Amino acid sequence: MATFYIIHSKSTNAFYTGSSTNFEMQFEQHKNGHFPKGFKSSATDWVAYFIIHDIEIDTANRIVKHTKKNKSHEYFDSLKADPNAANKLLEEFTNVRSHPDNNHEDAR
């Protein structure tokens, strides 16, 4: 099982979205600057901002793709503020065919 996550750095005022089958390890790597060429590698104050645990990796990756397209502080704040946001994302992206980018099979 996997985790979809959004992390936030107050010092850089940046968000990062990702997915991992080992969130705890990956989160520690972000905080310790393990990705020297990675996004905002200078930040060491990452905090978990929004997380969905125990989902299929394909679902987590589809949610990452969606959130990167809609990337804005307002969007991330709306996810955090909505107690049903995780359920809504899961409902939309759990089924491959429910996502418009993946409907190519239906067009045949």
Protein backbone atom coordinates (compact mmCIF):
# COMPACT_ATOMS: atom_id res chain seq x y z
CA MET A 1 0.00 0.00 0.00
CA ALA A 2 1.05 3.59 -0.56
CA THR A 3 0.64 7.11 0.72
CA PHE A 4 -0.23 10.28 -1.14
CA TYR A 5 1.20 13.31 0.59
CA ILE A 6 1.54 17.05 0.47
CA ILE A 7 4.31 18.51 2.59
CA HIS A 8 4.97 22.17 3.33
CA SER A 9 8.07 24.18 4.17
CA LYS A 10 7.38 27.36 6.09
CA SER A 11 10.89 28.74 5.44
CA THR A 12 10.48 28.54 1.66
CA ASN A 13 6.66 28.76 1.68
CA ALA A 14 6.67 25.84 -0.74
CA PHE A 15 4.56 22.72 -1.10
CA TYR A 16 5.66 19.38 -2.46
CA THR A 17 3.30 16.59 -3.53
CA GLY A 18 4.34 13.00 -3.84
CA SER A 19 3.54 9.36 -3.32
CA SER A 20 5.49 6.62 -1.65
CA THR A 21 5.21 3.04 -0.50
CA ASN A 22 7.32 4.05 2.51
CA PHE A 23 6.14 7.51 3.51
CA GLU A 24 8.00 7.71 6.82
CA MET A 25 11.35 7.02 5.17
CA GLN A 26 10.66 9.38 2.26
CA PHE A 27 9.48 12.15 4.61
CA GLU A 28 12.67 11.84 6.66
CA GLN A 29 14.69 12.04 3.44
CA HIS A 30 12.93 15.27 2.49
CA LYS A 31 13.63 16.75 5.93
CA ASN A 32 17.30 15.70 5.84
CA GLY A 33 18.02 17.08 2.35
CA HIS A 34 18.56 13.60 0.91
CA PHE A 35 17.57 14.82 -2.56
CA PRO A 36 20.31 17.40 -3.29
CA LYS A 37 19.07 18.12 -6.80
CA GLY A 38 15.45 17.85 -5.76
CA PHE A 39 12.76 20.41 -5.39
CA LYS A 40 13.55 22.90 -2.61
CA SER A 41 16.34 20.72 -1.25
CA SER A 42 17.51 23.59 0.96
CA ALA A 43 14.38 23.32 3.12
CA THR A 44 14.74 21.24 6.26
CA ASP A 45 11.50 22.26 7.95
CA TRP A 46 9.07 20.15 5.94
CA VAL A 47 5.86 19.26 7.76
CA ALA A 48 3.13 16.90 6.69
CA TYR A 49 0.29 19.06 5.36
CA PHE A 50 -2.20 16.61 3.82
CA ILE A 51 -1.91 12.82 3.75
CA ILE A 52 -3.90 9.85 2.50
CA HIS A 53 -2.46 6.58 3.77
CA ASP A 54 -3.11 2.97 2.74
CA ILE A 55 -4.11 3.39 -0.88
CA GLU A 56 -2.99 1.68 -4.06
CA ILE A 57 0.16 3.19 -5.58
CA ASP A 58 -1.62 3.78 -8.91
CA THR A 59 -4.31 5.78 -7.12
CA ALA A 60 -1.69 7.77 -5.22
CA ASN A 61 0.13 8.56 -8.47
CA ARG A 62 -3.08 9.73 -10.16
CA ILE A 63 -3.79 12.03 -7.22
CA VAL A 64 -0.22 13.40 -7.44
CA LYS A 65 -0.73 14.13 -11.15
CA HIS A 66 -4.03 15.86 -10.42
CA THR A 67 -2.67 17.98 -7.58
CA LYS A 68 0.36 19.05 -9.59
CA LYS A 69 -1.97 20.32 -12.34
CA ASN A 70 -3.96 22.29 -9.73
CA LYS A 71 -0.94 23.35 -7.71
CA SER A 72 -1.68 26.49 -5.73
CA HIS A 73 -1.66 27.49 -2.10
CA GLU A 74 -5.41 28.05 -2.28
CA TYR A 75 -6.03 24.55 -3.63
CA PHE A 76 -3.86 22.91 -0.97
CA ASP A 77 -5.51 25.01 1.75
CA SER A 78 -8.94 23.91 0.48
CA LEU A 79 -7.91 20.26 0.69
CA LYS A 80 -6.71 20.68 4.25
CA ALA A 81 -9.85 22.59 5.28
CA ASP A 82 -12.32 20.06 3.83
CA PRO A 83 -12.79 17.05 6.11
CA ASN A 84 -14.12 15.08 3.12
CA ALA A 85 -11.31 15.99 0.71
CA ALA A 86 -9.50 12.67 1.03
CA ASN A 87 -12.69 10.72 0.36
CA LYS A 88 -13.50 12.91 -2.64
CA LEU A 89 -10.03 12.40 -4.14
CA LEU A 90 -10.21 8.66 -3.55
CA GLU A 91 -13.66 8.47 -5.10
CA GLU A 92 -12.46 10.33 -8.18
CA PHE A 93 -9.10 8.62 -8.69
CA THR A 94 -9.44 5.07 -7.38
CA ASN A 95 -11.02 3.85 -10.59
CA VAL A 96 -8.71 4.41 -13.57
CA ARG A 97 -11.61 5.08 -15.92
CA SER A 98 -12.99 7.81 -13.66
CA HIS A 99 -10.08 10.09 -14.56
CA PRO A 100 -10.37 11.90 -17.93
CA ASP A 101 -6.68 11.37 -18.75
CA ASN A 102 -7.22 7.62 -18.54
CA ASN A 103 -10.39 7.30 -20.62
CA HIS A 104 -8.51 6.46 -23.82
CA GLU A 105 -9.75 2.87 -23.59
CA ASP A 106 -13.38 4.04 -23.69
CA ALA A 107 -12.81 5.87 -26.98
CA ARG A 108 -12.23 2.66 -28.95
